[in-house]
Amino acid sequence: MSARSDPYQRIYAVVRRIPRGRIATYGQVAALAGLGDHARQVGYALHALTAGDRLPWHRVLNAQGRVSPRAEPGGDRVQRALLEREGVRFDAAGRADLARFGWQPRAGAARSKSPSRRRGN
């Protein structure tokens, strides 16, 4: 992942923080990564992952709480199965309840974790 662009790295940093059993939307990840309403950019970044990348990509769903179609055959079934293993449930229409399973990061959590600087040091 290191050779990828800075926006992708910001997206990956947000996705890494989504806890097990929780989901986020593409738009939510874009906003937290400082990309405004560029939800599609999140999809491109996740599509660029390789098999060796260890990132919980499966925790990102569309704005309706549904698994979006994947480029690779069966990828949507894999994503849903991974989420169900983590306790996320889907209704008969294939939607996960964003109110119940949605990730709500703490206020200020989107900020960089760089060390604070003290005056005089």
C-alpha atoms as a PDB file:
ATOM      1  CA  MET A   1       0.000   0.000   0.000  1.00  0.00           C
ATOM      2  CA  SER A   2       2.925   2.396   0.455  1.00  0.00           C
ATOM      3  CA  ALA A   3       3.235   3.280  -3.241  1.00  0.00           C
ATOM      4  CA  ARG A   4      -0.327   4.597  -3.413  1.00  0.00           C
ATOM      5  CA  SER A   5      -1.343   8.256  -3.354  1.00  0.00           C
ATOM      6  CA  ASP A   6      -1.917  10.294  -0.204  1.00  0.00           C
ATOM      7  CA  PRO A   7      -5.748  10.360  -0.551  1.00  0.00           C
ATOM      8  CA  TYR A   8      -5.726   6.566  -0.695  1.00  0.00           C
ATOM      9  CA  GLN A   9      -3.573   6.431   2.428  1.00  0.00           C
ATOM     10  CA  ARG A  10      -6.048   8.714   4.238  1.00  0.00           C
ATOM     11  CA  ILE A  11      -8.895   6.444   3.151  1.00  0.00           C
ATOM     12  CA  TYR A  12      -7.027   3.356   4.349  1.00  0.00           C
ATOM     13  CA  ALA A  13      -6.303   5.032   7.700  1.00  0.00           C
ATOM     14  CA  VAL A  14     -10.032   5.629   8.230  1.00  0.00           C
ATOM     15  CA  VAL A  15     -11.045   2.115   7.139  1.00  0.00           C
ATOM     16  CA  ARG A  16      -8.462   0.618   9.511  1.00  0.00           C
ATOM     17  CA  ARG A  17     -10.295   2.277  12.423  1.00  0.00           C
ATOM     18  CA  ILE A  18     -13.715   0.742  11.700  1.00  0.00           C
ATOM     19  CA  PRO A  19     -14.219  -1.754  14.524  1.00  0.00           C
ATOM     20  CA  ARG A  20     -15.223  -5.368  14.112  1.00  0.00           C
ATOM     21  CA  GLY A  21     -19.012  -5.714  13.874  1.00  0.00           C
ATOM     22  CA  ARG A  22     -19.460  -2.121  12.667  1.00  0.00           C
ATOM     23  CA  ILE A  23     -19.924  -0.664   9.207  1.00  0.00           C
ATOM     24  CA  ALA A  24     -19.344   2.684   7.523  1.00  0.00           C
ATOM     25  CA  THR A  25     -20.551   4.075   4.221  1.00  0.00           C
ATOM     26  CA  TYR A  26     -18.343   5.119   1.332  1.00  0.00           C
ATOM     27  CA  GLY A  27     -19.476   8.713   1.896  1.00  0.00           C
ATOM     28  CA  GLN A  28     -18.708   8.588   5.601  1.00  0.00           C
ATOM     29  CA  VAL A  29     -15.193   7.282   4.928  1.00  0.00           C
ATOM     30  CA  ALA A  30     -14.626   9.999   2.303  1.00  0.00           C
ATOM     31  CA  ALA A  31     -15.716  12.726   4.716  1.00  0.00           C
ATOM     32  CA  LEU A  32     -13.543  11.392   7.547  1.00  0.00           C
ATOM     33  CA  ALA A  33     -10.576  11.152   5.163  1.00  0.00           C
ATOM     34  CA  GLY A  34     -11.003  14.830   4.285  1.00  0.00           C
ATOM     35  CA  LEU A  35     -12.266  14.121   0.769  1.00  0.00           C
ATOM     36  CA  GLY A  36     -15.656  15.791   1.117  1.00  0.00           C
ATOM     37  CA  ASP A  37     -18.393  14.033  -0.795  1.00  0.00           C
ATOM     38  CA  HIS A  38     -16.082  11.970  -3.007  1.00  0.00           C
ATOM     39  CA  ALA A  39     -17.494   8.589  -2.000  1.00  0.00           C
ATOM     40  CA  ARG A  40     -16.515   7.095  -5.339  1.00  0.00           C
ATOM     41  CA  GLN A  41     -12.856   7.778  -4.549  1.00  0.00           C
ATOM     42  CA  VAL A  42     -13.231   5.411  -1.582  1.00  0.00           C
ATOM     43  CA  GLY A  43     -14.476   2.701  -3.927  1.00  0.00           C
ATOM     44  CA  TYR A  44     -11.502   3.230  -6.231  1.00  0.00           C
ATOM     45  CA  ALA A  45      -9.094   3.045  -3.282  1.00  0.00           C
ATOM     46  CA  LEU A  46     -10.621  -0.170  -1.971  1.00  0.00           C
ATOM     47  CA  HIS A  47     -10.604  -1.675  -5.462  1.00  0.00           C
ATOM     48  CA  ALA A  48      -6.854  -0.935  -5.662  1.00  0.00           C
ATOM     49  CA  LEU A  49      -6.109  -3.181  -2.672  1.00  0.00           C
ATOM     50  CA  THR A  50      -4.227  -6.393  -3.335  1.00  0.00           C
ATOM     51  CA  ALA A  51      -4.751  -9.788  -1.724  1.00  0.00           C
ATOM     52  CA  GLY A  52      -1.852  -9.177   0.670  1.00  0.00           C
ATOM     53  CA  ASP A  53      -3.228  -5.892   2.010  1.00  0.00           C
ATOM     54  CA  ARG A  54      -4.618  -6.348   5.492  1.00  0.00           C
ATOM     55  CA  LEU A  55      -7.458  -3.857   5.652  1.00  0.00           C
ATOM     56  CA  PRO A  56     -11.078  -4.444   6.758  1.00  0.00           C
ATOM     57  CA  TRP A  57     -12.441  -3.330   3.361  1.00  0.00           C
ATOM     58  CA  HIS A  58     -15.543  -5.436   3.916  1.00  0.00           C
ATOM     59  CA  ARG A  59     -16.804  -2.985   6.574  1.00  0.00           C
ATOM     60  CA  VAL A  60     -17.577  -0.314   3.962  1.00  0.00           C
ATOM     61  CA  LEU A  61     -21.079  -0.395   2.455  1.00  0.00           C
ATOM     62  CA  ASN A  62     -23.124   1.894   0.251  1.00  0.00           C
ATOM     63  CA  ALA A  63     -25.405   4.627   1.614  1.00  0.00           C
ATOM     64  CA  GLN A  64     -28.372   2.230   1.740  1.00  0.00           C
ATOM     65  CA  GLY A  65     -26.459  -0.204   3.951  1.00  0.00           C
ATOM     66  CA  ARG A  66     -26.062  -2.675   1.111  1.00  0.00           C
ATOM     67  CA  VAL A  67     -23.042  -4.485  -0.258  1.00  0.00           C
ATOM     68  CA  SER A  68     -22.118  -2.892  -3.585  1.00  0.00           C
ATOM     69  CA  PRO A  69     -21.406  -5.106  -6.592  1.00  0.00           C
ATOM     70  CA  ARG A  70     -17.760  -6.157  -6.780  1.00  0.00           C
ATOM     71  CA  ALA A  71     -15.562  -6.341  -9.850  1.00  0.00           C
ATOM     72  CA  GLU A  72     -14.568  -9.916  -9.045  1.00  0.00           C
ATOM     73  CA  PRO A  73     -17.282 -12.592  -9.251  1.00  0.00           C
ATOM     74  CA  GLY A  74     -18.634 -13.601  -5.846  1.00  0.00           C
ATOM     75  CA  GLY A  75     -16.931 -10.711  -4.056  1.00  0.00           C
ATOM     76  CA  ASP A  76     -20.251  -9.397  -2.770  1.00  0.00           C
ATOM     77  CA  ARG A  77     -21.035 -12.766  -1.173  1.00  0.00           C
ATOM     78  CA  VAL A  78     -17.595 -12.827   0.448  1.00  0.00           C
ATOM     79  CA  GLN A  79     -18.125  -9.331   1.856  1.00  0.00           C
ATOM     80  CA  ARG A  80     -21.517 -10.181   3.286  1.00  0.00           C
ATOM     81  CA  ALA A  81     -20.221 -13.432   4.808  1.00  0.00           C
ATOM     82  CA  LEU A  82     -17.315 -11.599   6.476  1.00  0.00           C
ATOM     83  CA  LEU A  83     -19.714  -9.054   7.963  1.00  0.00           C
ATOM     84  CA  GLU A  84     -22.146 -11.718   9.148  1.00  0.00           C
ATOM     85  CA  ARG A  85     -19.251 -13.505  10.857  1.00  0.00           C
ATOM     86  CA  GLU A  86     -18.641 -10.267  12.760  1.00  0.00           C
ATOM     87  CA  GLY A  87     -22.291 -10.106  13.844  1.00  0.00           C
ATOM     88  CA  VAL A  88     -23.666  -7.658  11.259  1.00  0.00           C
ATOM     89  CA  ARG A  89     -27.152  -8.733  10.171  1.00  0.00           C
ATOM     90  CA  PHE A  90     -28.911  -8.035   6.885  1.00  0.00           C
ATOM     91  CA  ASP A  91     -32.656  -7.823   6.273  1.00  0.00           C
ATOM     92  CA  ALA A  92     -34.533  -9.664   3.512  1.00  0.00           C
ATOM     93  CA  ALA A  93     -33.738  -6.819   1.091  1.00  0.00           C
ATOM     94  CA  GLY A  94     -30.003  -7.190   1.771  1.00  0.00           C
ATOM     95  CA  ARG A  95     -29.633  -4.064   3.905  1.00  0.00           C
ATOM     96  CA  ALA A  96     -27.693  -3.753   7.147  1.00  0.00           C
ATOM     97  CA  ASP A  97     -29.242  -1.362   9.669  1.00  0.00           C
ATOM     98  CA  LEU A  98     -26.919   1.656   9.673  1.00  0.00           C
ATOM     99  CA  ALA A  99     -28.486   2.940  12.904  1.00  0.00           C
ATOM    100  CA  ARG A 100     -27.690  -0.325  14.662  1.00  0.00           C
ATOM    101  CA  PHE A 101     -24.390  -1.368  13.061  1.00  0.00           C
ATOM    102  CA  GLY A 102     -23.065   1.971  11.820  1.00  0.00           C
ATOM    103  CA  TRP A 103     -19.735   3.168  13.148  1.00  0.00           C
ATOM    104  CA  GLN A 104     -19.790   6.496  14.941  1.00  0.00           C
ATOM    105  CA  PRO A 105     -16.215   7.644  15.565  1.00  0.00           C
ATOM    106  CA  ARG A 106     -15.644   9.866  18.563  1.00  0.00           C
ATOM    107  CA  ALA A 107     -15.624  13.611  17.955  1.00  0.00           C
ATOM    108  CA  GLY A 108     -12.193  14.740  16.815  1.00  0.00           C
ATOM    109  CA  ALA A 109     -11.169  11.180  15.961  1.00  0.00           C
ATOM    110  CA  ALA A 110     -10.591  12.111  12.318  1.00  0.00           C
ATOM    111  CA  ARG A 111      -7.676  14.334  13.282  1.00  0.00           C
ATOM    112  CA  SER A 112      -4.107  13.243  12.839  1.00  0.00           C
ATOM    113  CA  LYS A 113      -2.549  11.403  15.733  1.00  0.00           C
ATOM    114  CA  SER A 114       0.640  13.424  15.518  1.00  0.00           C
ATOM    115  CA  PRO A 115       2.273  14.223  18.843  1.00  0.00           C
ATOM    116  CA  SER A 116       1.296  17.542  20.368  1.00  0.00           C
ATOM    117  CA  ARG A 117       3.937  20.232  20.583  1.00  0.00           C
ATOM    118  CA  ARG A 118       4.517  22.238  23.728  1.00  0.00           C
ATOM    119  CA  ARG A 119       5.748  25.785  23.707  1.00  0.00           C
ATOM    120  CA  GLY A 120       9.337  26.154  24.686  1.00  0.00           C
ATOM    121  CA  ASN A 121      10.424  22.658  23.589  1.00  0.00           C
END
